[in-house]
């Protein structure tokens, strides 16, 4: 089955800051934009950053955290399942850019069904992102 690109719209506190983060740090190419929103190509998916002026006074979006395999995982979050080599390259690039990980790159559910590489971080507006990879992609939806 081939996958269709998803479309996700998120709120940001500053369009220039979002451009610097998603375009510069993350390496996403930019699509259409206006003074109030900007499209990014996030590994073939359409991510749209919409300006929320109220975030300029509150600072950042707040997350709730739930325990998952010994980590505190921010909710809500979004991201992409990447091929392992691409995942490793992104983790390296983010480390080189000084990204503060909420959950450092590591293997979750080691030796179990659904074993995966994962990491989490926040964008400047507080949106939580997770990127993961599987050595065996058939484990993506496996049940124990």
N, C-alpha and C. Protein backbone atom coordinates (compact mmCIF):
# COMPACT_ATOMS: atom_id res chain seq x y z
N UNK A 1 0.85 -1.18 0.00
CA UNK A 1 0.00 0.00 0.00
C UNK A 1 0.89 1.25 0.00
N UNK A 2 0.64 2.14 -0.93
CA UNK A 2 1.38 3.40 -0.91
C UNK A 2 0.64 4.39 -0.02
N UNK A 3 1.39 5.22 0.67
CA UNK A 3 0.80 6.17 1.60
C UNK A 3 0.55 7.51 0.93
N UNK A 4 -0.53 8.14 1.31
CA UNK A 4 -0.82 9.50 0.85
C UNK A 4 -0.19 10.48 1.83
N UNK A 5 0.26 11.63 1.35
CA UNK A 5 0.82 12.63 2.27
C UNK A 5 -0.26 13.14 3.22
N UNK A 6 0.12 13.36 4.47
CA UNK A 6 -0.83 13.98 5.39
C UNK A 6 -0.68 15.48 5.33
N UNK A 7 -1.70 16.18 5.83
CA UNK A 7 -1.69 17.63 5.96
C UNK A 7 -1.92 17.92 7.43
N UNK A 8 -1.02 18.67 8.03
CA UNK A 8 -1.15 19.02 9.44
C UNK A 8 -0.91 20.51 9.59
N UNK A 9 -1.84 21.19 10.24
CA UNK A 9 -1.70 22.62 10.52
C UNK A 9 -1.46 22.78 12.03
N UNK A 10 -0.40 23.51 12.37
CA UNK A 10 -0.07 23.74 13.77
C UNK A 10 0.02 25.24 14.03
N UNK A 11 -0.04 25.63 15.29
CA UNK A 11 0.07 27.04 15.64
C UNK A 11 1.51 27.36 16.05
N UNK A 12 1.95 28.53 15.64
CA UNK A 12 3.28 29.02 16.01
C UNK A 12 3.16 30.46 16.50
N UNK A 13 4.16 30.87 17.26
CA UNK A 13 4.13 32.22 17.83
C UNK A 13 4.74 33.27 16.92
N UNK A 14 5.53 32.82 15.91
CA UNK A 14 6.24 33.76 15.05
C UNK A 14 6.57 33.06 13.73
N UNK A 15 6.16 33.63 12.62
CA UNK A 15 6.39 33.01 11.31
C UNK A 15 7.88 32.98 10.97
N UNK A 16 8.60 34.05 11.24
CA UNK A 16 10.04 34.06 10.94
C UNK A 16 10.77 33.00 11.76
N UNK A 17 10.39 32.84 13.01
CA UNK A 17 10.99 31.83 13.87
C UNK A 17 10.68 30.42 13.34
N UNK A 18 9.44 30.21 12.88
CA UNK A 18 9.06 28.92 12.30
C UNK A 18 9.87 28.64 11.03
N UNK A 19 10.05 29.66 10.21
CA UNK A 19 10.87 29.50 8.99
C UNK A 19 12.30 29.11 9.35
N UNK A 20 12.85 29.77 10.35
CA UNK A 20 14.23 29.47 10.76
C UNK A 20 14.34 28.04 11.30
N UNK A 21 13.34 27.61 12.06
CA UNK A 21 13.39 26.27 12.66
C UNK A 21 13.12 25.18 11.63
N UNK A 22 11.95 25.25 10.98
CA UNK A 22 11.58 24.18 10.05
C UNK A 22 12.39 24.22 8.76
N UNK A 23 12.67 25.42 8.27
CA UNK A 23 13.48 25.53 7.06
C UNK A 23 14.96 25.36 7.33
N UNK A 24 15.47 26.06 8.35
CA UNK A 24 16.90 26.03 8.63
C UNK A 24 17.36 24.81 9.41
N UNK A 25 16.84 24.64 10.61
CA UNK A 25 17.29 23.54 11.47
C UNK A 25 16.82 22.19 10.95
N UNK A 26 15.53 22.09 10.61
CA UNK A 26 14.97 20.81 10.16
C UNK A 26 15.27 20.51 8.69
N UNK A 27 15.58 21.54 7.90
CA UNK A 27 15.89 21.33 6.49
C UNK A 27 14.69 21.11 5.60
N UNK A 28 13.51 21.56 6.03
CA UNK A 28 12.29 21.40 5.23
C UNK A 28 12.21 22.49 4.17
N UNK A 29 11.87 22.12 2.95
CA UNK A 29 11.70 23.15 1.93
C UNK A 29 10.36 23.85 2.13
N UNK A 30 10.33 25.12 1.76
CA UNK A 30 9.15 25.95 1.97
C UNK A 30 8.28 25.95 0.71
N UNK A 31 6.97 25.93 0.95
CA UNK A 31 6.00 26.04 -0.14
C UNK A 31 5.34 27.41 -0.11
N UNK A 32 4.04 27.43 -0.30
CA UNK A 32 3.30 28.69 -0.30
C UNK A 32 3.28 29.30 1.09
N UNK A 33 3.03 30.63 1.14
CA UNK A 33 2.97 31.30 2.43
C UNK A 33 2.23 32.62 2.32
N UNK A 34 1.93 33.17 3.48
CA UNK A 34 1.38 34.52 3.58
C UNK A 34 1.99 35.12 4.84
N UNK A 35 1.50 36.26 5.23
CA UNK A 35 2.01 36.87 6.48
C UNK A 35 1.56 36.08 7.70
N UNK A 36 0.55 35.20 7.54
CA UNK A 36 -0.04 34.49 8.69
C UNK A 36 0.18 32.98 8.68
N UNK A 37 0.77 32.43 7.64
CA UNK A 37 1.02 31.00 7.58
C UNK A 37 2.11 30.68 6.57
N UNK A 38 2.71 29.50 6.72
CA UNK A 38 3.73 29.05 5.78
C UNK A 38 3.68 27.52 5.69
N UNK A 39 3.75 26.99 4.47
CA UNK A 39 3.78 25.55 4.21
C UNK A 39 5.21 25.04 4.21
N UNK A 40 5.41 23.84 4.74
CA UNK A 40 6.70 23.17 4.67
C UNK A 40 6.51 21.74 4.18
N UNK A 41 7.50 21.24 3.47
CA UNK A 41 7.56 19.84 3.05
C UNK A 41 8.29 19.08 4.15
N UNK A 42 7.54 18.35 4.97
CA UNK A 42 8.11 17.56 6.06
C UNK A 42 8.16 16.11 5.61
N UNK A 43 9.26 15.74 4.94
CA UNK A 43 9.45 14.39 4.42
C UNK A 43 8.29 13.94 3.54
N UNK A 44 7.84 14.84 2.67
CA UNK A 44 6.78 14.53 1.73
C UNK A 44 5.38 14.81 2.24
N UNK A 45 5.27 15.33 3.45
CA UNK A 45 3.97 15.66 4.04
C UNK A 45 3.86 17.17 4.18
N UNK A 46 2.63 17.67 4.14
CA UNK A 46 2.41 19.11 4.18
C UNK A 46 2.19 19.57 5.63
N UNK A 47 3.15 20.29 6.15
CA UNK A 47 3.07 20.89 7.48
C UNK A 47 2.85 22.39 7.29
N UNK A 48 1.78 22.91 7.88
CA UNK A 48 1.46 24.32 7.75
C UNK A 48 1.55 24.97 9.13
N UNK A 49 2.40 25.98 9.24
CA UNK A 49 2.56 26.73 10.48
C UNK A 49 1.69 27.98 10.40
N UNK A 50 0.70 28.06 11.28
CA UNK A 50 -0.22 29.19 11.32
C UNK A 50 0.11 30.07 12.51
N UNK A 51 0.18 31.37 12.27
CA UNK A 51 0.47 32.33 13.33
C UNK A 51 -0.68 32.38 14.33
N UNK A 52 -0.36 32.25 15.61
CA UNK A 52 -1.32 32.45 16.69
C UNK A 52 -0.76 33.58 17.55
N UNK A 53 -1.22 34.80 17.35
CA UNK A 53 -0.67 35.94 18.08
C UNK A 53 -0.76 35.81 19.60
N UNK A 54 -1.71 35.02 20.12
CA UNK A 54 -1.80 34.88 21.58
C UNK A 54 -0.60 34.13 22.15
N UNK A 55 0.10 33.36 21.32
CA UNK A 55 1.28 32.65 21.80
C UNK A 55 2.44 33.61 22.09
N UNK A 56 2.40 34.81 21.54
CA UNK A 56 3.47 35.76 21.83
C UNK A 56 3.41 36.23 23.28
N UNK A 57 2.23 36.14 23.89
CA UNK A 57 2.12 36.54 25.30
C UNK A 57 2.27 35.35 26.23
N UNK A 58 1.83 34.15 25.80
CA UNK A 58 1.95 32.97 26.66
C UNK A 58 3.29 32.28 26.48
N UNK A 59 3.97 32.56 25.39
CA UNK A 59 5.30 32.00 25.17
C UNK A 59 5.30 30.72 24.36
N UNK A 60 4.73 29.65 24.91
CA UNK A 60 4.79 28.35 24.23
C UNK A 60 3.53 27.54 24.51
N UNK A 61 3.25 26.64 23.59
CA UNK A 61 2.17 25.67 23.77
C UNK A 61 2.58 24.74 24.90
N UNK A 62 1.64 24.40 25.75
CA UNK A 62 1.91 23.50 26.86
C UNK A 62 1.55 22.07 26.48
N UNK A 63 2.37 21.12 26.90
CA UNK A 63 2.12 19.70 26.64
C UNK A 63 1.80 19.00 27.95
N UNK A 64 1.09 17.91 27.84
CA UNK A 64 0.88 16.96 28.92
C UNK A 64 1.89 15.84 28.67
N UNK A 65 2.33 15.14 29.68
CA UNK A 65 3.31 14.07 29.51
C UNK A 65 2.76 12.76 30.06
N UNK A 66 2.93 11.68 29.28
CA UNK A 66 2.53 10.34 29.68
C UNK A 66 3.74 9.41 29.65
N UNK A 67 3.81 8.44 30.58
CA UNK A 67 4.93 7.49 30.56
C UNK A 67 4.77 6.45 29.45
N UNK A 68 5.85 6.22 28.69
CA UNK A 68 5.89 5.18 27.66
C UNK A 68 7.26 4.54 27.73
N UNK A 69 7.31 3.29 28.11
CA UNK A 69 8.56 2.52 28.16
C UNK A 69 9.69 3.28 28.87
N UNK A 70 9.36 3.90 29.99
CA UNK A 70 10.36 4.59 30.80
C UNK A 70 10.62 6.04 30.43
N UNK A 71 9.98 6.54 29.38
CA UNK A 71 10.15 7.93 28.96
C UNK A 71 8.89 8.73 29.27
N UNK A 72 9.04 10.03 29.49
CA UNK A 72 7.90 10.93 29.61
C UNK A 72 7.64 11.52 28.23
N UNK A 73 6.56 11.11 27.60
CA UNK A 73 6.24 11.46 26.22
C UNK A 73 5.25 12.63 26.20
N UNK A 74 5.59 13.72 25.47
CA UNK A 74 4.68 14.86 25.40
C UNK A 74 3.45 14.56 24.54
N UNK A 75 2.30 15.03 25.00
CA UNK A 75 1.04 14.86 24.28
C UNK A 75 0.37 16.22 24.23
N UNK A 76 -0.10 16.66 23.05
CA UNK A 76 -0.01 15.96 21.77
C UNK A 76 1.38 16.08 21.17
N UNK A 77 1.64 15.25 20.18
CA UNK A 77 2.87 15.34 19.39
C UNK A 77 2.59 14.80 17.99
N UNK A 78 3.50 15.10 17.08
CA UNK A 78 3.39 14.59 15.72
C UNK A 78 4.79 14.36 15.20
N UNK A 79 4.90 13.68 14.09
CA UNK A 79 6.20 13.41 13.49
C UNK A 79 6.05 12.48 12.32
N UNK A 80 7.15 11.88 11.93
CA UNK A 80 7.17 11.01 10.76
C UNK A 80 7.98 9.76 11.09
N UNK A 81 7.53 8.62 10.59
CA UNK A 81 8.30 7.38 10.65
C UNK A 81 9.25 7.41 9.46
N UNK A 82 10.53 7.38 9.73
CA UNK A 82 11.56 7.52 8.69
C UNK A 82 12.32 6.21 8.50
N UNK A 83 12.96 6.04 7.35
CA UNK A 83 13.91 4.93 7.21
C UNK A 83 15.04 5.14 8.24
N UNK A 84 15.61 4.06 8.73
CA UNK A 84 16.60 4.14 9.81
C UNK A 84 17.78 5.05 9.46
N UNK A 85 18.28 4.98 8.23
CA UNK A 85 19.43 5.83 7.88
C UNK A 85 19.05 7.30 7.89
N UNK A 86 17.84 7.63 7.45
CA UNK A 86 17.37 9.02 7.46
C UNK A 86 17.16 9.48 8.89
N UNK A 87 16.59 8.61 9.74
CA UNK A 87 16.38 8.91 11.17
C UNK A 87 17.71 9.24 11.84
N UNK A 88 18.72 8.40 11.60
CA UNK A 88 20.05 8.64 12.20
C UNK A 88 20.63 9.95 11.72
N UNK A 89 20.48 10.27 10.43
CA UNK A 89 20.98 11.53 9.89
C UNK A 89 20.29 12.73 10.52
N UNK A 90 18.96 12.65 10.70
CA UNK A 90 18.23 13.74 11.33
C UNK A 90 18.67 13.91 12.78
N UNK A 91 18.80 12.81 13.51
CA UNK A 91 19.25 12.89 14.91
C UNK A 91 20.61 13.56 14.99
N UNK A 92 21.52 13.20 14.11
CA UNK A 92 22.86 13.81 14.09
C UNK A 92 22.77 15.30 13.78
N UNK A 93 21.98 15.66 12.75
CA UNK A 93 21.85 17.07 12.38
C UNK A 93 21.26 17.89 13.52
N UNK A 94 20.24 17.37 14.20
CA UNK A 94 19.63 18.10 15.31
C UNK A 94 20.61 18.27 16.47
N UNK A 95 21.39 17.24 16.75
CA UNK A 95 22.42 17.35 17.81
C UNK A 95 23.42 18.43 17.43
N UNK A 96 23.86 18.44 16.18
CA UNK A 96 24.82 19.45 15.72
C UNK A 96 24.25 20.86 15.79
N UNK A 97 22.92 20.99 15.62
CA UNK A 97 22.25 22.29 15.69
C UNK A 97 21.96 22.71 17.13
N UNK A 98 22.30 21.85 18.10
CA UNK A 98 22.07 22.18 19.51
C UNK A 98 20.64 21.96 19.98
N UNK A 99 19.91 21.09 19.30
CA UNK A 99 18.52 20.80 19.68
C UNK A 99 18.48 20.21 21.10
N UNK A 100 17.57 20.71 21.92
CA UNK A 100 17.37 20.17 23.27
C UNK A 100 16.30 19.08 23.17
N UNK A 101 16.71 17.83 23.24
CA UNK A 101 15.77 16.72 23.15
C UNK A 101 15.00 16.57 24.46
N UNK A 102 13.71 16.30 24.37
CA UNK A 102 12.92 15.91 25.53
C UNK A 102 13.23 14.45 25.85
N UNK A 103 13.27 13.64 24.80
CA UNK A 103 13.67 12.24 24.88
C UNK A 103 14.81 12.07 23.88
N UNK A 104 15.98 11.75 24.38
CA UNK A 104 17.16 11.58 23.53
C UNK A 104 16.98 10.42 22.56
N UNK A 105 17.65 10.46 21.41
CA UNK A 105 17.57 9.34 20.47
C UNK A 105 18.00 8.02 21.14
N UNK A 106 17.12 7.03 21.03
CA UNK A 106 17.40 5.72 21.61
C UNK A 106 16.42 4.69 21.03
N UNK A 107 16.60 3.43 21.44
CA UNK A 107 15.70 2.36 21.03
C UNK A 107 14.69 2.10 22.13
N UNK A 108 13.42 2.11 21.74
CA UNK A 108 12.32 1.85 22.67
C UNK A 108 11.78 0.45 22.39
N UNK A 109 11.27 -0.20 23.42
CA UNK A 109 10.71 -1.55 23.34
C UNK A 109 11.75 -2.54 22.80
N UNK A 110 13.00 -2.37 23.23
CA UNK A 110 14.09 -3.23 22.75
C UNK A 110 13.78 -4.70 22.98
N UNK A 111 13.94 -5.50 21.93
CA UNK A 111 13.71 -6.93 22.00
C UNK A 111 12.24 -7.33 22.08
N UNK A 112 11.34 -6.36 21.95
CA UNK A 112 9.91 -6.64 22.04
C UNK A 112 9.23 -6.35 20.69
N UNK A 113 7.97 -6.74 20.61
CA UNK A 113 7.18 -6.38 19.44
C UNK A 113 7.13 -4.86 19.33
N UNK A 114 7.31 -4.35 18.14
CA UNK A 114 7.26 -2.90 17.94
C UNK A 114 8.54 -2.17 18.27
N UNK A 115 9.68 -2.88 18.38
CA UNK A 115 10.95 -2.21 18.68
C UNK A 115 11.18 -1.08 17.69
N UNK A 116 11.59 0.09 18.21
CA UNK A 116 11.73 1.26 17.36
C UNK A 116 12.78 2.22 17.91
N UNK A 117 13.38 2.96 17.01
CA UNK A 117 14.25 4.07 17.38
C UNK A 117 13.38 5.31 17.46
N UNK A 118 13.62 6.17 18.45
CA UNK A 118 12.75 7.33 18.63
C UNK A 118 13.51 8.48 19.27
N UNK A 119 13.02 9.68 19.06
CA UNK A 119 13.42 10.85 19.84
C UNK A 119 12.32 11.89 19.75
N UNK A 120 12.29 12.78 20.77
CA UNK A 120 11.30 13.85 20.88
C UNK A 120 11.99 15.17 21.14
N UNK A 121 11.41 16.24 20.63
CA UNK A 121 11.88 17.60 20.93
C UNK A 121 10.71 18.55 20.74
N UNK A 122 10.90 19.79 21.18
CA UNK A 122 9.90 20.84 20.99
C UNK A 122 10.42 21.83 19.96
N UNK A 123 9.52 22.34 19.11
CA UNK A 123 9.90 23.45 18.25
C UNK A 123 9.88 24.73 19.10
N UNK A 124 10.30 25.86 18.59
CA UNK A 124 10.35 27.09 19.40
C UNK A 124 9.01 27.52 19.98
N UNK A 125 7.90 27.12 19.34
CA UNK A 125 6.58 27.49 19.85
C UNK A 125 6.03 26.48 20.86
N UNK A 126 6.76 25.39 21.08
CA UNK A 126 6.34 24.38 22.04
C UNK A 126 5.60 23.20 21.43
N UNK A 127 5.51 23.12 20.10
CA UNK A 127 4.91 21.95 19.46
C UNK A 127 5.87 20.76 19.64
N UNK A 128 5.35 19.65 20.13
CA UNK A 128 6.16 18.46 20.36
C UNK A 128 6.19 17.60 19.10
N UNK A 129 7.40 17.16 18.74
CA UNK A 129 7.60 16.31 17.57
C UNK A 129 8.31 15.03 17.98
N UNK A 130 7.91 13.93 17.35
CA UNK A 130 8.59 12.65 17.52
C UNK A 130 8.97 12.13 16.14
N UNK A 131 10.18 11.66 16.02
CA UNK A 131 10.61 10.98 14.80
C UNK A 131 11.04 9.59 15.22
N UNK A 132 10.60 8.61 14.45
CA UNK A 132 10.93 7.23 14.79
C UNK A 132 11.31 6.46 13.54
N UNK A 133 11.92 5.30 13.76
CA UNK A 133 12.32 4.41 12.68
C UNK A 133 12.26 2.98 13.20
N UNK A 134 12.05 2.06 12.29
CA UNK A 134 11.99 0.65 12.62
C UNK A 134 13.02 -0.09 11.78
N UNK A 135 13.76 -0.99 12.39
CA UNK A 135 14.65 -1.86 11.62
C UNK A 135 13.81 -2.73 10.70
N UNK A 136 12.61 -3.08 11.16
CA UNK A 136 11.66 -3.90 10.41
C UNK A 136 10.33 -3.15 10.39
N UNK A 137 10.01 -2.50 9.28
CA UNK A 137 8.81 -1.66 9.20
C UNK A 137 7.52 -2.45 9.41
N UNK A 138 7.56 -3.78 9.26
CA UNK A 138 6.35 -4.58 9.52
C UNK A 138 5.98 -4.53 11.00
N UNK A 139 6.86 -4.03 11.85
CA UNK A 139 6.60 -3.90 13.29
C UNK A 139 5.79 -2.65 13.63
N UNK A 140 5.53 -1.79 12.64
CA UNK A 140 4.85 -0.52 12.89
C UNK A 140 3.52 -0.68 13.63
N UNK A 141 2.70 -1.63 13.21
CA UNK A 141 1.37 -1.81 13.81
C UNK A 141 1.23 -3.15 14.53
N UNK A 142 2.35 -3.80 14.79
CA UNK A 142 2.29 -5.12 15.42
C UNK A 142 1.70 -5.02 16.83
N UNK A 143 0.95 -6.06 17.20
CA UNK A 143 0.40 -6.15 18.55
C UNK A 143 1.20 -7.21 19.30
N UNK A 144 1.26 -7.05 20.57
CA UNK A 144 2.04 -8.02 21.37
C UNK A 144 1.43 -9.39 21.34
